[in-house]
Amino acid sequence: MVGDSTIAYEGDDTQTVVQPFSNGLRISTVLENSDAPTRYTYELPADVTPRLYTDGSAILESTFGDTGPDGESITLSYGMVGAPWATDANGTPVATHYEVSEGALIQVVETTSTTAYPVVADPTFCWGGMPSFPTQYTNEF
């Protein structure tokens, strides 16, 4: 435990620092050297799907009801994951992005031969959201 609520986990080539706050949590992954993995998978509950936005962020949502072409459904947003970022030991940004695979959110850190270690990569999860109704009903509210 680091401080009152921050927890640090140590691995062979990485450290992970988890810092909760009132409406979410920050996960800082520290790649210690070039042997560290460059893909970090964040498993989500089975009914939660991450959807990526063009700015790199992701929304975490579930859709309930008939999702077919004529069906009625409601989508509930549970929260957001901020756009990913990573920085090397010199303060130089390191390219990073999210991917979605089998319902999990994966942060890919694109280190190169010129990357100075350690590298810190950080997704921030924020909770809270709103339901999204089918278009034909939105004008009725």
N, C-alpha and C. Protein backbone atom coordinates (compact mmCIF):
# COMPACT_ATOMS: atom_id res chain seq x y z
N MET A 1 0.85 -1.17 0.00
CA MET A 1 0.00 0.00 0.00
C MET A 1 0.90 1.24 0.00
N VAL A 2 0.55 2.18 -0.86
CA VAL A 2 1.29 3.44 -0.94
C VAL A 2 0.30 4.53 -0.55
N GLY A 3 0.55 5.27 0.50
CA GLY A 3 -0.42 6.27 0.95
C GLY A 3 -1.65 5.59 1.53
N ASP A 4 -2.75 6.34 1.60
CA ASP A 4 -3.95 5.81 2.22
C ASP A 4 -4.73 4.83 1.36
N SER A 5 -4.80 5.07 0.04
CA SER A 5 -5.64 4.22 -0.79
C SER A 5 -4.96 3.72 -2.05
N THR A 6 -3.73 4.09 -2.30
CA THR A 6 -3.03 3.66 -3.51
C THR A 6 -2.33 2.33 -3.23
N ILE A 7 -2.46 1.41 -4.16
CA ILE A 7 -1.86 0.09 -4.02
C ILE A 7 -0.88 -0.13 -5.17
N ALA A 8 0.30 -0.65 -4.87
CA ALA A 8 1.31 -0.94 -5.89
C ALA A 8 1.54 -2.45 -5.96
N TYR A 9 1.61 -2.96 -7.19
CA TYR A 9 1.89 -4.37 -7.44
C TYR A 9 3.19 -4.45 -8.22
N GLU A 10 4.09 -5.35 -7.83
CA GLU A 10 5.37 -5.48 -8.51
C GLU A 10 5.40 -6.78 -9.29
N GLY A 11 5.88 -6.69 -10.55
CA GLY A 11 6.10 -7.86 -11.38
C GLY A 11 7.56 -7.92 -11.76
N ASP A 12 7.92 -8.83 -12.66
CA ASP A 12 9.31 -8.96 -13.07
C ASP A 12 9.82 -7.72 -13.80
N ASP A 13 9.07 -7.25 -14.78
CA ASP A 13 9.51 -6.12 -15.60
C ASP A 13 8.54 -4.95 -15.55
N THR A 14 7.51 -5.05 -14.72
CA THR A 14 6.52 -3.99 -14.62
C THR A 14 6.12 -3.78 -13.16
N GLN A 15 5.62 -2.60 -12.90
CA GLN A 15 4.95 -2.28 -11.65
C GLN A 15 3.60 -1.70 -12.04
N THR A 16 2.58 -1.97 -11.24
CA THR A 16 1.27 -1.40 -11.48
C THR A 16 0.84 -0.68 -10.22
N VAL A 17 0.44 0.57 -10.37
CA VAL A 17 -0.03 1.37 -9.25
C VAL A 17 -1.50 1.69 -9.50
N VAL A 18 -2.34 1.29 -8.56
CA VAL A 18 -3.79 1.51 -8.67
C VAL A 18 -4.18 2.57 -7.66
N GLN A 19 -4.80 3.63 -8.18
CA GLN A 19 -5.17 4.76 -7.33
C GLN A 19 -6.66 5.05 -7.50
N PRO A 20 -7.49 4.63 -6.53
CA PRO A 20 -8.92 4.94 -6.61
C PRO A 20 -9.19 6.40 -6.25
N PHE A 21 -10.23 6.96 -6.84
CA PHE A 21 -10.71 8.28 -6.45
C PHE A 21 -12.22 8.24 -6.44
N SER A 22 -12.89 9.32 -6.10
CA SER A 22 -14.33 9.29 -5.81
C SER A 22 -15.19 8.73 -6.93
N ASN A 23 -14.85 8.96 -8.18
CA ASN A 23 -15.70 8.46 -9.27
C ASN A 23 -14.92 7.64 -10.28
N GLY A 24 -13.90 6.92 -9.84
CA GLY A 24 -13.17 6.08 -10.76
C GLY A 24 -11.87 5.57 -10.19
N LEU A 25 -10.95 5.28 -11.11
CA LEU A 25 -9.67 4.78 -10.69
C LEU A 25 -8.64 4.97 -11.78
N ARG A 26 -7.42 5.20 -11.36
CA ARG A 26 -6.29 5.38 -12.28
C ARG A 26 -5.39 4.17 -12.12
N ILE A 27 -4.99 3.59 -13.26
CA ILE A 27 -4.06 2.47 -13.25
C ILE A 27 -2.80 2.91 -13.98
N SER A 28 -1.72 3.09 -13.25
CA SER A 28 -0.45 3.48 -13.85
C SER A 28 0.43 2.24 -13.94
N THR A 29 0.77 1.86 -15.16
CA THR A 29 1.64 0.72 -15.38
C THR A 29 3.02 1.24 -15.72
N VAL A 30 4.02 0.76 -15.01
CA VAL A 30 5.40 1.20 -15.22
C VAL A 30 6.16 0.07 -15.90
N LEU A 31 6.58 0.31 -17.13
CA LEU A 31 7.40 -0.65 -17.87
C LEU A 31 8.84 -0.36 -17.48
N GLU A 32 9.47 -1.26 -16.76
CA GLU A 32 10.80 -1.03 -16.21
C GLU A 32 11.91 -1.08 -17.24
N ASN A 33 11.74 -1.94 -18.27
CA ASN A 33 12.79 -2.13 -19.26
C ASN A 33 12.19 -2.67 -20.55
N SER A 34 13.04 -2.92 -21.55
CA SER A 34 12.55 -3.36 -22.86
C SER A 34 12.01 -4.79 -22.84
N ASP A 35 12.21 -5.53 -21.74
CA ASP A 35 11.64 -6.87 -21.62
C ASP A 35 10.19 -6.84 -21.13
N ALA A 36 9.71 -5.68 -20.73
CA ALA A 36 8.34 -5.56 -20.21
C ALA A 36 7.33 -5.79 -21.34
N PRO A 37 6.19 -6.41 -21.01
CA PRO A 37 5.13 -6.56 -22.02
C PRO A 37 4.69 -5.18 -22.52
N THR A 38 4.13 -5.14 -23.71
CA THR A 38 3.64 -3.88 -24.27
C THR A 38 2.12 -3.89 -24.47
N ARG A 39 1.46 -4.95 -24.02
CA ARG A 39 0.00 -5.06 -24.10
C ARG A 39 -0.53 -5.33 -22.70
N TYR A 40 -1.50 -4.53 -22.26
CA TYR A 40 -2.06 -4.66 -20.93
C TYR A 40 -3.57 -4.80 -21.05
N THR A 41 -4.10 -5.92 -20.59
CA THR A 41 -5.51 -6.26 -20.76
C THR A 41 -6.28 -5.94 -19.49
N TYR A 42 -7.39 -5.23 -19.67
CA TYR A 42 -8.28 -4.88 -18.57
C TYR A 42 -9.61 -5.60 -18.82
N GLU A 43 -9.82 -6.69 -18.07
CA GLU A 43 -11.04 -7.48 -18.19
C GLU A 43 -12.21 -6.69 -17.62
N LEU A 44 -13.36 -6.80 -18.27
CA LEU A 44 -14.57 -6.12 -17.84
C LEU A 44 -15.65 -7.16 -17.58
N PRO A 45 -16.71 -6.80 -16.83
CA PRO A 45 -17.80 -7.75 -16.63
C PRO A 45 -18.37 -8.20 -17.99
N ALA A 46 -18.91 -9.40 -18.02
CA ALA A 46 -19.36 -10.01 -19.28
C ALA A 46 -20.38 -9.16 -20.04
N ASP A 47 -21.22 -8.41 -19.34
CA ASP A 47 -22.25 -7.63 -20.03
C ASP A 47 -21.82 -6.20 -20.35
N VAL A 48 -20.57 -5.85 -20.09
CA VAL A 48 -20.07 -4.51 -20.37
C VAL A 48 -19.18 -4.56 -21.61
N THR A 49 -19.47 -3.68 -22.56
CA THR A 49 -18.70 -3.63 -23.80
C THR A 49 -18.00 -2.29 -23.92
N PRO A 50 -16.69 -2.28 -24.16
CA PRO A 50 -16.01 -1.01 -24.42
C PRO A 50 -16.20 -0.62 -25.89
N ARG A 51 -16.48 0.65 -26.13
CA ARG A 51 -16.60 1.16 -27.50
C ARG A 51 -15.61 2.31 -27.65
N LEU A 52 -14.75 2.22 -28.64
CA LEU A 52 -13.68 3.20 -28.82
C LEU A 52 -14.17 4.43 -29.56
N TYR A 53 -13.68 5.59 -29.15
CA TYR A 53 -13.93 6.86 -29.83
C TYR A 53 -12.69 7.27 -30.61
N THR A 54 -12.87 8.15 -31.58
CA THR A 54 -11.75 8.57 -32.43
C THR A 54 -10.66 9.31 -31.65
N ASP A 55 -10.98 9.90 -30.50
CA ASP A 55 -9.95 10.59 -29.71
C ASP A 55 -9.13 9.62 -28.87
N GLY A 56 -9.41 8.33 -28.97
CA GLY A 56 -8.67 7.32 -28.22
C GLY A 56 -9.35 6.87 -26.94
N SER A 57 -10.33 7.61 -26.46
CA SER A 57 -11.04 7.23 -25.24
C SER A 57 -12.02 6.10 -25.55
N ALA A 58 -12.65 5.57 -24.51
CA ALA A 58 -13.62 4.50 -24.68
C ALA A 58 -14.78 4.72 -23.73
N ILE A 59 -15.96 4.32 -24.17
CA ILE A 59 -17.13 4.33 -23.30
C ILE A 59 -17.40 2.88 -22.91
N LEU A 60 -17.85 2.67 -21.70
CA LEU A 60 -18.18 1.34 -21.20
C LEU A 60 -19.69 1.25 -21.11
N GLU A 61 -20.29 0.33 -21.87
CA GLU A 61 -21.74 0.31 -21.96
C GLU A 61 -22.29 -1.11 -22.08
N SER A 62 -23.60 -1.22 -21.83
CA SER A 62 -24.35 -2.46 -22.02
C SER A 62 -25.62 -2.12 -22.77
N THR A 63 -26.03 -3.02 -23.66
CA THR A 63 -27.28 -2.84 -24.39
C THR A 63 -28.23 -3.94 -23.97
N PHE A 64 -29.46 -3.55 -23.64
CA PHE A 64 -30.48 -4.48 -23.18
C PHE A 64 -31.67 -4.42 -24.12
N GLY A 65 -32.34 -5.53 -24.29
CA GLY A 65 -33.51 -5.59 -25.15
C GLY A 65 -33.17 -6.22 -26.48
N ASP A 66 -34.12 -6.18 -27.41
CA ASP A 66 -33.95 -6.76 -28.74
C ASP A 66 -33.05 -5.82 -29.55
N THR A 67 -31.88 -6.27 -29.88
CA THR A 67 -30.94 -5.40 -30.60
C THR A 67 -30.97 -5.65 -32.10
N GLY A 68 -31.96 -6.40 -32.60
CA GLY A 68 -32.11 -6.64 -34.03
C GLY A 68 -32.52 -5.38 -34.76
N PRO A 69 -32.64 -5.44 -36.09
CA PRO A 69 -32.93 -4.24 -36.88
C PRO A 69 -34.26 -3.57 -36.54
N ASP A 70 -35.26 -4.32 -36.09
CA ASP A 70 -36.56 -3.73 -35.75
C ASP A 70 -36.81 -3.72 -34.24
N GLY A 71 -35.85 -4.15 -33.49
CA GLY A 71 -36.03 -4.28 -32.04
C GLY A 71 -35.84 -2.97 -31.31
N GLU A 72 -36.38 -2.96 -30.12
CA GLU A 72 -36.22 -1.82 -29.25
C GLU A 72 -35.19 -2.19 -28.19
N SER A 73 -34.31 -1.28 -27.91
CA SER A 73 -33.29 -1.56 -26.91
C SER A 73 -32.93 -0.28 -26.18
N ILE A 74 -32.25 -0.46 -25.09
CA ILE A 74 -31.73 0.67 -24.33
C ILE A 74 -30.25 0.37 -24.05
N THR A 75 -29.42 1.37 -24.19
CA THR A 75 -28.00 1.22 -23.91
C THR A 75 -27.68 2.05 -22.67
N LEU A 76 -27.01 1.41 -21.73
CA LEU A 76 -26.63 2.08 -20.49
C LEU A 76 -25.13 2.29 -20.49
N SER A 77 -24.72 3.53 -20.30
CA SER A 77 -23.31 3.86 -20.20
C SER A 77 -22.91 3.82 -18.73
N TYR A 78 -21.88 3.03 -18.41
CA TYR A 78 -21.40 2.92 -17.04
C TYR A 78 -20.30 3.92 -16.73
N GLY A 79 -19.63 4.38 -17.78
CA GLY A 79 -18.54 5.31 -17.56
C GLY A 79 -17.63 5.40 -18.77
N MET A 80 -16.52 6.06 -18.57
CA MET A 80 -15.57 6.31 -19.65
C MET A 80 -14.17 5.87 -19.22
N VAL A 81 -13.35 5.63 -20.21
CA VAL A 81 -11.92 5.43 -19.99
C VAL A 81 -11.25 6.53 -20.81
N GLY A 82 -10.49 7.38 -20.14
CA GLY A 82 -9.84 8.49 -20.82
C GLY A 82 -8.88 8.02 -21.89
N ALA A 83 -8.58 8.89 -22.84
CA ALA A 83 -7.62 8.55 -23.89
C ALA A 83 -6.32 8.08 -23.25
N PRO A 84 -5.72 7.04 -23.79
CA PRO A 84 -4.50 6.51 -23.17
C PRO A 84 -3.31 7.44 -23.41
N TRP A 85 -2.37 7.39 -22.49
CA TRP A 85 -1.12 8.12 -22.68
C TRP A 85 0.01 7.30 -22.09
N ALA A 86 1.19 7.56 -22.58
CA ALA A 86 2.40 6.92 -22.04
C ALA A 86 3.55 7.90 -22.24
N THR A 87 4.47 7.91 -21.27
CA THR A 87 5.61 8.83 -21.29
C THR A 87 6.84 8.06 -20.86
N ASP A 88 7.97 8.32 -21.55
CA ASP A 88 9.20 7.62 -21.16
C ASP A 88 9.97 8.40 -20.11
N ALA A 89 11.12 7.90 -19.71
CA ALA A 89 11.91 8.49 -18.63
C ALA A 89 12.39 9.89 -18.93
N ASN A 90 12.45 10.26 -20.22
CA ASN A 90 12.87 11.61 -20.61
C ASN A 90 11.69 12.57 -20.74
N GLY A 91 10.48 12.07 -20.45
CA GLY A 91 9.29 12.90 -20.61
C GLY A 91 8.76 12.92 -22.02
N THR A 92 9.31 12.08 -22.88
CA THR A 92 8.88 12.00 -24.27
C THR A 92 7.62 11.14 -24.38
N PRO A 93 6.59 11.62 -25.05
CA PRO A 93 5.39 10.78 -25.23
C PRO A 93 5.72 9.50 -26.00
N VAL A 94 5.11 8.42 -25.60
CA VAL A 94 5.25 7.13 -26.27
C VAL A 94 3.89 6.80 -26.87
N ALA A 95 3.86 6.43 -28.14
CA ALA A 95 2.59 6.11 -28.80
C ALA A 95 1.89 4.98 -28.05
N THR A 96 0.59 5.13 -27.89
CA THR A 96 -0.21 4.11 -27.21
C THR A 96 -1.64 4.22 -27.71
N HIS A 97 -2.36 3.13 -27.65
CA HIS A 97 -3.77 3.12 -28.06
C HIS A 97 -4.47 1.94 -27.39
N TYR A 98 -5.82 1.98 -27.46
CA TYR A 98 -6.62 0.89 -26.96
C TYR A 98 -7.07 0.01 -28.12
N GLU A 99 -7.25 -1.26 -27.81
CA GLU A 99 -7.91 -2.21 -28.69
C GLU A 99 -8.98 -2.91 -27.87
N VAL A 100 -9.97 -3.48 -28.55
CA VAL A 100 -11.00 -4.26 -27.87
C VAL A 100 -10.93 -5.68 -28.41
N SER A 101 -10.88 -6.65 -27.51
CA SER A 101 -10.85 -8.05 -27.91
C SER A 101 -11.64 -8.87 -26.91
N GLU A 102 -12.64 -9.57 -27.41
CA GLU A 102 -13.46 -10.45 -26.57
C GLU A 102 -13.98 -9.73 -25.34
N GLY A 103 -14.42 -8.48 -25.50
CA GLY A 103 -15.00 -7.71 -24.42
C GLY A 103 -14.02 -7.05 -23.48
N ALA A 104 -12.73 -7.29 -23.67
CA ALA A 104 -11.71 -6.68 -22.81
C ALA A 104 -11.14 -5.44 -23.48
N LEU A 105 -10.69 -4.50 -22.67
CA LEU A 105 -10.01 -3.31 -23.17
C LEU A 105 -8.51 -3.55 -23.01
N ILE A 106 -7.78 -3.36 -24.08
CA ILE A 106 -6.33 -3.63 -24.08
C ILE A 106 -5.60 -2.34 -24.40
N GLN A 107 -4.64 -1.97 -23.55
CA GLN A 107 -3.79 -0.83 -23.86
C GLN A 107 -2.50 -1.37 -24.47
N VAL A 108 -2.17 -0.85 -25.66
CA VAL A 108 -0.95 -1.23 -26.37
C VAL A 108 0.01 -0.06 -26.27
N VAL A 109 1.22 -0.31 -25.76
CA VAL A 109 2.24 0.72 -25.63
C VAL A 109 3.29 0.43 -26.69
N GLU A 110 3.51 1.39 -27.59
CA GLU A 110 4.36 1.18 -28.75
C GLU A 110 5.78 1.71 -28.51
N THR A 111 6.55 0.95 -27.73
CA THR A 111 7.93 1.34 -27.46
C THR A 111 8.79 1.11 -28.70
N THR A 112 9.91 1.82 -28.77
CA THR A 112 10.85 1.68 -29.89
C THR A 112 12.26 1.51 -29.33
N SER A 113 13.23 1.40 -30.23
CA SER A 113 14.62 1.24 -29.79
C SER A 113 15.15 2.51 -29.12
N THR A 114 14.48 3.64 -29.31
CA THR A 114 14.94 4.89 -28.70
C THR A 114 14.17 5.24 -27.42
N THR A 115 13.24 4.39 -27.01
CA THR A 115 12.47 4.63 -25.80
C THR A 115 13.37 4.56 -24.57
N ALA A 116 13.29 5.58 -23.72
CA ALA A 116 14.05 5.60 -22.46
C ALA A 116 13.17 5.03 -21.34
N TYR A 117 13.68 4.05 -20.64
CA TYR A 117 12.93 3.40 -19.57
C TYR A 117 13.30 3.99 -18.22
N PRO A 118 12.34 3.97 -17.29
CA PRO A 118 11.02 3.34 -17.35
C PRO A 118 10.01 4.19 -18.13
N VAL A 119 8.95 3.52 -18.57
CA VAL A 119 7.83 4.14 -19.26
C VAL A 119 6.61 4.01 -18.36
N VAL A 120 5.83 5.08 -18.24
CA VAL A 120 4.58 5.04 -17.48
C VAL A 120 3.42 5.14 -18.47
N ALA A 121 2.50 4.19 -18.37
CA ALA A 121 1.29 4.17 -19.22
C ALA A 121 0.09 4.21 -18.29
N ASP A 122 -0.93 5.00 -18.66
CA ASP A 122 -1.99 5.26 -17.70
C ASP A 122 -3.37 5.32 -18.32
N PRO A 123 -4.20 4.29 -18.10
CA PRO A 123 -5.63 4.49 -18.36
C PRO A 123 -6.32 4.98 -17.09
N THR A 124 -7.27 5.87 -17.25
CA THR A 124 -8.07 6.35 -16.12
C THR A 124 -9.53 6.01 -16.39
N PHE A 125 -10.14 5.26 -15.49
CA PHE A 125 -11.53 4.84 -15.59
C PHE A 125 -12.38 5.78 -14.75
N CYS A 126 -13.46 6.31 -15.31
CA CYS A 126 -14.40 7.18 -14.59
C CYS A 126 -15.78 6.55 -14.65
N TRP A 127 -16.44 6.46 -13.50
CA TRP A 127 -17.76 5.83 -13.43
C TRP A 127 -18.86 6.88 -13.55
N GLY A 128 -20.00 6.40 -13.95
CA GLY A 128 -21.19 7.26 -14.06
C GLY A 128 -21.59 7.37 -15.50
N GLY A 129 -22.86 7.36 -15.76
CA GLY A 129 -23.31 7.43 -17.15
C GLY A 129 -24.80 7.65 -17.23
N MET A 130 -25.29 7.56 -18.44
CA MET A 130 -26.70 7.80 -18.70
C MET A 130 -27.22 6.75 -19.67
N PRO A 131 -28.54 6.46 -19.62
CA PRO A 131 -29.10 5.55 -20.62
C PRO A 131 -29.21 6.25 -21.97
N SER A 132 -29.15 5.46 -23.02
CA SER A 132 -29.32 5.97 -24.38
C SER A 132 -30.50 5.23 -24.99
N PHE A 133 -31.51 5.97 -25.43
CA PHE A 133 -32.72 5.36 -25.96
C PHE A 133 -32.68 5.35 -27.48
N PRO A 134 -33.46 4.45 -28.12
CA PRO A 134 -33.52 4.43 -29.58
C PRO A 134 -33.94 5.79 -30.12
N THR A 135 -33.44 6.15 -31.28
CA THR A 135 -33.67 7.46 -31.87
C THR A 135 -35.15 7.82 -31.96
N GLN A 136 -35.99 6.85 -32.33
CA GLN A 136 -37.42 7.17 -32.52
C GLN A 136 -38.10 7.61 -31.23
N TYR A 137 -37.48 7.34 -30.07
CA TYR A 137 -38.10 7.71 -28.80
C TYR A 137 -37.48 8.94 -28.14
N THR A 138 -36.35 9.40 -28.61
CA THR A 138 -35.67 10.47 -27.90
C THR A 138 -36.45 11.78 -27.92
N ASN A 139 -37.25 12.03 -28.92
CA ASN A 139 -38.02 13.27 -28.95
C ASN A 139 -39.25 13.22 -28.04
N GLU A 140 -39.57 12.05 -27.50
CA GLU A 140 -40.74 11.92 -26.62
C GLU A 140 -40.41 12.27 -25.18
N PHE A 141 -39.15 12.40 -24.84
CA PHE A 141 -38.78 12.68 -23.45
C PHE A 141 -38.68 14.16 -23.19
